[in-house]
Amino acid sequence: MMMNQPPFAQQVAIVTGAGQGIGFEICRQLALQGAAVVVNDLDPDLTAKAATQINHDTGGQCFGLAGNAADVTFIQKMVDTAVREFGKVNIAIANAGITLFGDFLTYTPEALHQVTNLNIGGSFFLAQAVARQIIKQQSGGSILLMSSVTGYQAHKNLAAYAMTKAALQMLARNLVIELSPYQITINAIAPGATLTERTAEDPNYESVWSGLTPLGRPASPADIAHAALFLVSDKARHITGQSLIIDGGWSSISPSPFSD
């Protein structure tokens, strides 16, 4: 009797910004469910550690590739590496992004360029490069963009970041026109407060956001990863152009962490 294959068997994914936190957990879950994964981070040490850990945890195929996910030449290198190592690409998750807090009235051109270059440009050109490869393969596939609840709700000192995250929702909607003929789905997820290595640097983060979140806690990386995997899975093959908020209900009432 044939054993059932894992949900992502024979699938190859590229995930950017995945050395830790949400991106790492997405890679780990993909590998656990049978995918081969190219894991990317800007930090070479984090990239190598993540790939080693995922391979140890899953016995799966994970290839680490450090580099700047905003650089178009490097983006193509990720696609070429996936094809060389695993034969194809089916899935891309544009998780790499940067948050630079700052008052609007004093925000600098350098900061704005840095945020838009990675958050918008890196996501746009990863989607483009992977779509071209999927079209060449005639295989169909899935692309997922990483938006944020701040793309829906105003948040103090995050005007630039929020602008980029709202833009990704529109990119997902717009690309339905051009990618659907090739059976490529394009969606976005919008995480709210999430406990990661970065947010854990704030000793008050968990308690503050537990109080602000209707479900009583911030998300875990696994909460976000499970939603991401659904949207790039065969179970979501008729879902495209959508943005899914994962925030424990925060955006329904939107209490500010800056309120007295």
C-alpha atoms as a PDB file:
ATOM      1  CA  MET A   1       0.000   0.000   0.000  1.00  0.00           C
ATOM      2  CA  MET A   2       1.364   3.446  -0.940  1.00  0.00           C
ATOM      3  CA  MET A   3       2.156   5.787   1.901  1.00  0.00           C
ATOM      4  CA  ASN A   4       0.556   9.218   1.717  1.00  0.00           C
ATOM      5  CA  GLN A   5       3.095  11.836   0.652  1.00  0.00           C
ATOM      6  CA  PRO A   6       3.667  14.910   2.826  1.00  0.00           C
ATOM      7  CA  PRO A   7       1.670  17.958   1.676  1.00  0.00           C
ATOM      8  CA  PHE A   8       4.705  19.716   0.183  1.00  0.00           C
ATOM      9  CA  ALA A   9       6.521  16.707  -1.264  1.00  0.00           C
ATOM     10  CA  GLN A  10       8.192  17.559  -4.581  1.00  0.00           C
ATOM     11  CA  GLN A  11       7.798  21.279  -3.865  1.00  0.00           C
ATOM     12  CA  VAL A  12      10.696  23.745  -3.801  1.00  0.00           C
ATOM     13  CA  ALA A  13      10.442  27.030  -1.914  1.00  0.00           C
ATOM     14  CA  ILE A  14      12.513  30.189  -1.515  1.00  0.00           C
ATOM     15  CA  VAL A  15      12.005  32.111   1.731  1.00  0.00           C
ATOM     16  CA  THR A  16      13.791  35.411   2.350  1.00  0.00           C
ATOM     17  CA  GLY A  17      14.613  36.961   5.711  1.00  0.00           C
ATOM     18  CA  ALA A  18      14.465  33.534   7.295  1.00  0.00           C
ATOM     19  CA  GLY A  19      17.427  33.341   9.646  1.00  0.00           C
ATOM     20  CA  GLN A  20      15.151  33.589  12.672  1.00  0.00           C
ATOM     21  CA  GLY A  21      11.626  34.435  13.744  1.00  0.00           C
ATOM     22  CA  ILE A  22       8.670  34.045  11.389  1.00  0.00           C
ATOM     23  CA  GLY A  23      10.761  33.293   8.298  1.00  0.00           C
ATOM     24  CA  PHE A  24      12.696  30.557  10.060  1.00  0.00           C
ATOM     25  CA  GLU A  25       9.524  28.900  11.296  1.00  0.00           C
ATOM     26  CA  ILE A  26       7.967  29.040   7.816  1.00  0.00           C
ATOM     27  CA  CYS A  27      11.048  27.266   6.428  1.00  0.00           C
ATOM     28  CA  ARG A  28      10.995  24.686   9.217  1.00  0.00           C
ATOM     29  CA  GLN A  29       7.321  23.916   8.695  1.00  0.00           C
ATOM     30  CA  LEU A  30       7.782  23.632   4.931  1.00  0.00           C
ATOM     31  CA  ALA A  31      10.658  21.208   5.398  1.00  0.00           C
ATOM     32  CA  LEU A  32       8.709  19.201   7.980  1.00  0.00           C
ATOM     33  CA  GLN A  33       5.959  18.810   5.383  1.00  0.00           C
ATOM     34  CA  GLY A  34       8.244  17.621   2.615  1.00  0.00           C
ATOM     35  CA  ALA A  35       9.470  20.724   0.786  1.00  0.00           C
ATOM     36  CA  ALA A  36      13.002  21.503  -0.263  1.00  0.00           C
ATOM     37  CA  VAL A  37      13.802  25.035   0.876  1.00  0.00           C
ATOM     38  CA  VAL A  38      16.299  27.751   0.009  1.00  0.00           C
ATOM     39  CA  VAL A  39      16.577  29.736   3.239  1.00  0.00           C
ATOM     40  CA  ASN A  40      17.919  33.277   2.939  1.00  0.00           C
ATOM     41  CA  ASP A  41      19.059  35.890   5.402  1.00  0.00           C
ATOM     42  CA  LEU A  42      21.320  38.917   5.116  1.00  0.00           C
ATOM     43  CA  ASP A  43      23.423  37.606   8.024  1.00  0.00           C
ATOM     44  CA  PRO A  44      25.671  34.689   6.901  1.00  0.00           C
ATOM     45  CA  ASP A  45      25.897  33.234  10.414  1.00  0.00           C
ATOM     46  CA  LEU A  46      22.130  33.270  10.910  1.00  0.00           C
ATOM     47  CA  THR A  47      21.642  31.737   7.450  1.00  0.00           C
ATOM     48  CA  ALA A  48      24.065  28.881   8.100  1.00  0.00           C
ATOM     49  CA  LYS A  49      22.684  28.242  11.575  1.00  0.00           C
ATOM     50  CA  ALA A  50      19.090  28.228  10.303  1.00  0.00           C
ATOM     51  CA  ALA A  51      19.817  25.809   7.458  1.00  0.00           C
ATOM     52  CA  THR A  52      21.727  23.471   9.776  1.00  0.00           C
ATOM     53  CA  GLN A  53      18.982  23.553  12.401  1.00  0.00           C
ATOM     54  CA  ILE A  54      16.206  22.920   9.888  1.00  0.00           C
ATOM     55  CA  ASN A  55      18.054  20.001   8.336  1.00  0.00           C
ATOM     56  CA  HIS A  56      18.691  18.586  11.816  1.00  0.00           C
ATOM     57  CA  ASP A  57      15.062  18.992  12.897  1.00  0.00           C
ATOM     58  CA  THR A  58      13.440  17.718   9.730  1.00  0.00           C
ATOM     59  CA  GLY A  59      15.904  15.492   7.918  1.00  0.00           C
ATOM     60  CA  GLY A  60      14.782  17.512   4.922  1.00  0.00           C
ATOM     61  CA  GLN A  61      16.505  19.395   2.173  1.00  0.00           C
ATOM     62  CA  CYS A  62      17.425  22.926   3.155  1.00  0.00           C
ATOM     63  CA  PHE A  63      20.034  25.067   1.412  1.00  0.00           C
ATOM     64  CA  GLY A  64      21.230  28.278   3.068  1.00  0.00           C
ATOM     65  CA  LEU A  65      22.071  31.288   0.900  1.00  0.00           C
ATOM     66  CA  ALA A  66      23.097  34.538   2.585  1.00  0.00           C
ATOM     67  CA  GLY A  67      22.658  37.832   0.779  1.00  0.00           C
ATOM     68  CA  ASN A  68      20.693  41.023   0.316  1.00  0.00           C
ATOM     69  CA  ALA A  69      17.090  40.203  -0.612  1.00  0.00           C
ATOM     70  CA  ALA A  70      16.703  43.722  -2.047  1.00  0.00           C
ATOM     71  CA  ASP A  71      19.422  43.189  -4.653  1.00  0.00           C
ATOM     72  CA  VAL A  72      18.038  42.118  -8.029  1.00  0.00           C
ATOM     73  CA  THR A  73      21.194  40.236  -8.996  1.00  0.00           C
ATOM     74  CA  PHE A  74      21.125  38.285  -5.742  1.00  0.00           C
ATOM     75  CA  ILE A  75      17.413  37.575  -6.148  1.00  0.00           C
ATOM     76  CA  GLN A  76      18.150  35.902  -9.475  1.00  0.00           C
ATOM     77  CA  LYS A  77      20.974  33.991  -7.794  1.00  0.00           C
ATOM     78  CA  MET A  78      18.465  32.573  -5.292  1.00  0.00           C
ATOM     79  CA  VAL A  79      16.249  31.355  -8.120  1.00  0.00           C
ATOM     80  CA  ASP A  80      19.202  29.897 -10.017  1.00  0.00           C
ATOM     81  CA  THR A  81      20.448  28.181  -6.848  1.00  0.00           C
ATOM     82  CA  ALA A  82      17.048  26.608  -6.180  1.00  0.00           C
ATOM     83  CA  VAL A  83      16.933  25.268  -9.731  1.00  0.00           C
ATOM     84  CA  ARG A  84      20.509  24.000  -9.535  1.00  0.00           C
ATOM     85  CA  GLU A  85      20.100  22.319  -6.153  1.00  0.00           C
ATOM     86  CA  PHE A  86      16.518  21.072  -6.419  1.00  0.00           C
ATOM     87  CA  GLY A  87      15.548  21.267 -10.080  1.00  0.00           C
ATOM     88  CA  LYS A  88      12.787  23.880  -9.937  1.00  0.00           C
ATOM     89  CA  VAL A  89      10.948  26.522  -7.881  1.00  0.00           C
ATOM     90  CA  ASN A  90       7.264  26.297  -6.983  1.00  0.00           C
ATOM     91  CA  ILE A  91       6.901  28.646  -4.023  1.00  0.00           C
ATOM     92  CA  ALA A  92       8.319  32.037  -3.030  1.00  0.00           C
ATOM     93  CA  ILE A  93       7.710  33.756   0.298  1.00  0.00           C
ATOM     94  CA  ALA A  94       8.979  37.333   0.414  1.00  0.00           C
ATOM     95  CA  ASN A  95       9.463  37.590   4.147  1.00  0.00           C
ATOM     96  CA  ALA A  96      12.522  39.866   4.265  1.00  0.00           C
ATOM     97  CA  GLY A  97      11.722  43.333   5.509  1.00  0.00           C
ATOM     98  CA  ILE A  98      12.959  46.135   7.699  1.00  0.00           C
ATOM     99  CA  THR A  99      11.204  48.277  10.299  1.00  0.00           C
ATOM    100  CA  LEU A 100      12.680  51.721  10.904  1.00  0.00           C
ATOM    101  CA  PHE A 101      10.645  53.662  13.448  1.00  0.00           C
ATOM    102  CA  GLY A 102      10.734  57.425  13.143  1.00  0.00           C
ATOM    103  CA  ASP A 103       8.697  60.574  13.508  1.00  0.00           C
ATOM    104  CA  PHE A 104       7.249  61.635  10.150  1.00  0.00           C
ATOM    105  CA  LEU A 105       8.439  65.241  10.486  1.00  0.00           C
ATOM    106  CA  THR A 106      12.079  64.216  10.903  1.00  0.00           C
ATOM    107  CA  TYR A 107      12.183  61.003   8.831  1.00  0.00           C
ATOM    108  CA  THR A 108      15.203  60.995   6.514  1.00  0.00           C
ATOM    109  CA  PRO A 109      15.443  60.199   2.803  1.00  0.00           C
ATOM    110  CA  GLU A 110      18.039  57.553   3.632  1.00  0.00           C
ATOM    111  CA  ALA A 111      15.682  55.744   5.996  1.00  0.00           C
ATOM    112  CA  LEU A 112      12.803  55.911   3.523  1.00  0.00           C
ATOM    113  CA  HIS A 113      14.946  54.496   0.732  1.00  0.00           C
ATOM    114  CA  GLN A 114      16.159  51.663   2.949  1.00  0.00           C
ATOM    115  CA  VAL A 115      12.626  50.676   3.955  1.00  0.00           C
ATOM    116  CA  THR A 116      11.084  50.922   0.486  1.00  0.00           C
ATOM    117  CA  ASN A 117      14.024  49.281  -1.282  1.00  0.00           C
ATOM    118  CA  LEU A 118      13.744  46.064   0.717  1.00  0.00           C
ATOM    119  CA  ASN A 119      10.081  45.915   1.695  1.00  0.00           C
ATOM    120  CA  ILE A 120       8.665  46.869  -1.702  1.00  0.00           C
ATOM    121  CA  GLY A 121      11.530  46.400  -4.161  1.00  0.00           C
ATOM    122  CA  GLY A 122      12.793  43.117  -2.746  1.00  0.00           C
ATOM    123  CA  SER A 123       9.300  41.650  -2.645  1.00  0.00           C
ATOM    124  CA  PHE A 124       8.414  42.891  -6.135  1.00  0.00           C
ATOM    125  CA  PHE A 125      11.527  41.524  -7.810  1.00  0.00           C
ATOM    126  CA  LEU A 126      11.487  38.206  -5.944  1.00  0.00           C
ATOM    127  CA  ALA A 127       7.919  37.712  -7.166  1.00  0.00           C
ATOM    128  CA  GLN A 128       9.005  38.671 -10.680  1.00  0.00           C
ATOM    129  CA  ALA A 129      12.024  36.345 -10.792  1.00  0.00           C
ATOM    130  CA  VAL A 130      10.147  33.385  -9.353  1.00  0.00           C
ATOM    131  CA  ALA A 131       7.133  33.962 -11.607  1.00  0.00           C
ATOM    132  CA  ARG A 132       9.402  33.919 -14.654  1.00  0.00           C
ATOM    133  CA  GLN A 133      10.889  30.602 -13.535  1.00  0.00           C
ATOM    134  CA  ILE A 134       7.494  29.049 -12.810  1.00  0.00           C
ATOM    135  CA  ILE A 135       6.229  30.148 -16.225  1.00  0.00           C
ATOM    136  CA  LYS A 136       9.292  28.591 -17.838  1.00  0.00           C
ATOM    137  CA  GLN A 137       8.584  25.344 -15.976  1.00  0.00           C
ATOM    138  CA  GLN A 138       4.875  25.452 -16.943  1.00  0.00           C
ATOM    139  CA  SER A 139       4.230  24.084 -13.469  1.00  0.00           C
ATOM    140  CA  GLY A 140       2.070  26.636 -11.677  1.00  0.00           C
ATOM    141  CA  GLY A 141       3.008  27.817  -8.207  1.00  0.00           C
ATOM    142  CA  SER A 142       2.416  30.197  -5.325  1.00  0.00           C
ATOM    143  CA  ILE A 143       3.873  33.509  -4.207  1.00  0.00           C
ATOM    144  CA  LEU A 144       3.271  34.981  -0.760  1.00  0.00           C
ATOM    145  CA  LEU A 145       4.043  38.540   0.329  1.00  0.00           C
ATOM    146  CA  MET A 146       4.551  39.622   3.937  1.00  0.00           C
ATOM    147  CA  SER A 147       2.328  42.572   4.774  1.00  0.00           C
ATOM    148  CA  SER A 148       1.409  43.718   8.295  1.00  0.00           C
ATOM    149  CA  VAL A 149      -1.533  44.909  10.349  1.00  0.00           C
ATOM    150  CA  THR A 150       0.130  48.319  10.091  1.00  0.00           C
ATOM    151  CA  GLY A 151      -0.850  48.227   6.436  1.00  0.00           C
ATOM    152  CA  TYR A 152      -4.453  48.392   7.671  1.00  0.00           C
ATOM    153  CA  GLN A 153      -4.259  50.441  10.869  1.00  0.00           C
ATOM    154  CA  ALA A 154      -2.227  53.523  11.742  1.00  0.00           C
ATOM    155  CA  HIS A 155       0.624  53.023  14.187  1.00  0.00           C
ATOM    156  CA  LYS A 156       2.722  55.818  15.669  1.00  0.00           C
ATOM    157  CA  ASN A 157       6.155  56.384  14.094  1.00  0.00           C
ATOM    158  CA  LEU A 158       5.612  53.771  11.370  1.00  0.00           C
ATOM    159  CA  ALA A 159       4.403  55.886   8.431  1.00  0.00           C
ATOM    160  CA  ALA A 160       7.073  54.638   6.012  1.00  0.00           C
ATOM    161  CA  TYR A 161       6.876  51.003   7.083  1.00  0.00           C
ATOM    162  CA  ALA A 162       3.071  51.003   7.029  1.00  0.00           C
ATOM    163  CA  MET A 163       3.078  52.527   3.550  1.00  0.00           C
ATOM    164  CA  THR A 164       5.233  49.674   2.244  1.00  0.00           C
ATOM    165  CA  LYS A 165       3.063  47.030   3.867  1.00  0.00           C
ATOM    166  CA  ALA A 166      -0.120  48.489   2.390  1.00  0.00           C
ATOM    167  CA  ALA A 167       1.616  48.552  -0.995  1.00  0.00           C
ATOM    168  CA  LEU A 168       2.238  44.804  -0.800  1.00  0.00           C
ATOM    169  CA  GLN A 169      -1.476  44.158  -0.364  1.00  0.00           C
ATOM    170  CA  MET A 170      -2.144  46.071  -3.580  1.00  0.00           C
ATOM    171  CA  LEU A 171       0.683  44.243  -5.334  1.00  0.00           C
ATOM    172  CA  ALA A 172      -0.914  40.908  -4.457  1.00  0.00           C
ATOM    173  CA  ARG A 173      -4.260  42.099  -5.777  1.00  0.00           C
ATOM    174  CA  ASN A 174      -2.833  43.595  -8.953  1.00  0.00           C
ATOM    175  CA  LEU A 175      -0.687  40.627  -9.938  1.00  0.00           C
ATOM    176  CA  VAL A 176      -3.768  38.412 -10.132  1.00  0.00           C
ATOM    177  CA  ILE A 177      -4.235  39.897 -13.595  1.00  0.00           C
ATOM    178  CA  GLU A 178      -0.817  38.882 -14.893  1.00  0.00           C
ATOM    179  CA  LEU A 179      -0.107  35.662 -12.993  1.00  0.00           C
ATOM    180  CA  SER A 180      -3.447  33.828 -13.054  1.00  0.00           C
ATOM    181  CA  PRO A 181      -3.081  32.712 -16.702  1.00  0.00           C
ATOM    182  CA  TYR A 182      -0.010  30.754 -15.582  1.00  0.00           C
ATOM    183  CA  GLN A 183      -1.755  29.168 -12.576  1.00  0.00           C
ATOM    184  CA  ILE A 184       0.339  31.185 -10.137  1.00  0.00           C
ATOM    185  CA  THR A 185      -1.474  32.348  -7.004  1.00  0.00           C
ATOM    186  CA  ILE A 186      -0.361  35.552  -5.288  1.00  0.00           C
ATOM    187  CA  ASN A 187      -1.464  36.448  -1.762  1.00  0.00           C
ATOM    188  CA  ALA A 188      -0.299  38.322   1.318  1.00  0.00           C
ATOM    189  CA  ILE A 189      -0.429  37.739   5.033  1.00  0.00           C
ATOM    190  CA  ALA A 190      -0.540  40.557   7.572  1.00  0.00           C
ATOM    191  CA  PRO A 191       0.828  39.523  10.957  1.00  0.00           C
ATOM    192  CA  GLY A 192       0.149  41.522  14.074  1.00  0.00           C
ATOM    193  CA  ALA A 193       2.267  41.498  17.222  1.00  0.00           C
ATOM    194  CA  THR A 194       4.425  38.363  17.195  1.00  0.00           C
ATOM    195  CA  LEU A 195       6.911  36.965  19.716  1.00  0.00           C
ATOM    196  CA  THR A 196      10.236  36.618  17.922  1.00  0.00           C
ATOM    197  CA  GLU A 197      13.881  36.990  18.867  1.00  0.00           C
ATOM    198  CA  ARG A 198      13.677  40.631  17.824  1.00  0.00           C
ATOM    199  CA  THR A 199      10.541  41.569  19.759  1.00  0.00           C
ATOM    200  CA  ALA A 200      11.804  39.613  22.783  1.00  0.00           C
ATOM    201  CA  GLU A 201      14.496  42.289  23.142  1.00  0.00           C
ATOM    202  CA  ASP A 202      11.728  44.465  24.613  1.00  0.00           C
ATOM    203  CA  PRO A 203      11.060  43.060  28.109  1.00  0.00           C
ATOM    204  CA  ASN A 204       7.555  44.557  28.124  1.00  0.00           C
ATOM    205  CA  TYR A 205       6.524  43.400  24.652  1.00  0.00           C
ATOM    206  CA  GLU A 206       4.680  40.210  25.611  1.00  0.00           C
ATOM    207  CA  SER A 207       2.820  41.705  28.554  1.00  0.00           C
ATOM    208  CA  VAL A 208       1.831  44.875  26.667  1.00  0.00           C
ATOM    209  CA  TRP A 209       0.568  43.039  23.592  1.00  0.00           C
ATOM    210  CA  SER A 210      -1.144  40.354  25.665  1.00  0.00           C
ATOM    211  CA  GLY A 211      -3.202  43.146  27.167  1.00  0.00           C
ATOM    212  CA  LEU A 212      -3.931  44.778  23.811  1.00  0.00           C
ATOM    213  CA  THR A 213      -4.817  41.601  21.884  1.00  0.00           C
ATOM    214  CA  PRO A 214      -8.413  40.329  22.222  1.00  0.00           C
ATOM    215  CA  LEU A 215      -7.272  36.681  22.264  1.00  0.00           C
ATOM    216  CA  GLY A 216      -4.975  37.504  25.149  1.00  0.00           C
ATOM    217  CA  ARG A 217      -1.523  36.970  23.672  1.00  0.00           C
ATOM    218  CA  PRO A 218       0.667  37.996  20.762  1.00  0.00           C
ATOM    219  CA  ALA A 219       1.158  35.472  17.968  1.00  0.00           C
ATOM    220  CA  SER A 220       3.886  32.866  17.946  1.00  0.00           C
ATOM    221  CA  PRO A 221       5.945  32.370  14.774  1.00  0.00           C
ATOM    222  CA  ALA A 222       4.094  29.067  14.321  1.00  0.00           C
ATOM    223  CA  ASP A 223       0.743  30.901  14.256  1.00  0.00           C
ATOM    224  CA  ILE A 224       1.978  32.934  11.291  1.00  0.00           C
ATOM    225  CA  ALA A 225       3.734  30.012   9.605  1.00  0.00           C
ATOM    226  CA  HIS A 226       0.621  27.807   9.610  1.00  0.00           C
ATOM    227  CA  ALA A 227      -1.352  30.510   7.791  1.00  0.00           C
ATOM    228  CA  ALA A 228       1.482  31.051   5.327  1.00  0.00           C
ATOM    229  CA  LEU A 229       1.688  27.345   4.520  1.00  0.00           C
ATOM    230  CA  PHE A 230      -2.045  27.171   3.906  1.00  0.00           C
ATOM    231  CA  LEU A 231      -1.902  29.957   1.330  1.00  0.00           C
ATOM    232  CA  VAL A 232       0.931  28.332  -0.628  1.00  0.00           C
ATOM    233  CA  SER A 233      -0.575  24.848  -0.416  1.00  0.00           C
ATOM    234  CA  ASP A 234      -2.797  22.960  -2.842  1.00  0.00           C
ATOM    235  CA  LYS A 235      -5.676  23.537  -0.409  1.00  0.00           C
ATOM    236  CA  ALA A 236      -5.595  27.230  -1.361  1.00  0.00           C
ATOM    237  CA  ARG A 237      -5.303  26.824  -5.129  1.00  0.00           C
ATOM    238  CA  HIS A 238      -8.449  28.911  -5.711  1.00  0.00           C
ATOM    239  CA  ILE A 239      -7.408  31.739  -3.392  1.00  0.00           C
ATOM    240  CA  THR A 240      -5.492  34.578  -5.009  1.00  0.00           C
ATOM    241  CA  GLY A 241      -5.186  38.343  -4.636  1.00  0.00           C
ATOM    242  CA  GLN A 242      -6.094  38.177  -0.961  1.00  0.00           C
ATOM    243  CA  SER A 243      -4.540  39.511   2.255  1.00  0.00           C
ATOM    244  CA  LEU A 244      -5.077  37.599   5.499  1.00  0.00           C
ATOM    245  CA  ILE A 245      -4.717  39.366   8.857  1.00  0.00           C
ATOM    246  CA  ILE A 246      -3.287  37.223  11.678  1.00  0.00           C
ATOM    247  CA  ASP A 247      -3.389  39.362  14.797  1.00  0.00           C
ATOM    248  CA  GLY A 248      -5.567  37.758  17.475  1.00  0.00           C
ATOM    249  CA  GLY A 249      -8.278  40.328  16.759  1.00  0.00           C
ATOM    250  CA  TRP A 250      -6.171  43.448  17.418  1.00  0.00           C
ATOM    251  CA  SER A 251      -7.081  45.235  14.189  1.00  0.00           C
ATOM    252  CA  SER A 252     -10.781  44.867  14.964  1.00  0.00           C
ATOM    253  CA  ILE A 253     -10.414  47.258  17.908  1.00  0.00           C
ATOM    254  CA  SER A 254      -6.877  48.657  17.389  1.00  0.00           C
ATOM    255  CA  PRO A 255      -5.889  49.814  20.879  1.00  0.00           C
ATOM    256  CA  SER A 256      -2.569  51.664  20.685  1.00  0.00           C
ATOM    257  CA  PRO A 257       0.462  50.594  22.716  1.00  0.00           C
ATOM    258  CA  PHE A 258       1.155  54.320  23.103  1.00  0.00           C
ATOM    259  CA  SER A 259      -2.128  55.075  24.879  1.00  0.00           C
ATOM    260  CA  ASP A 260      -1.923  56.284  28.456  1.00  0.00           C
END
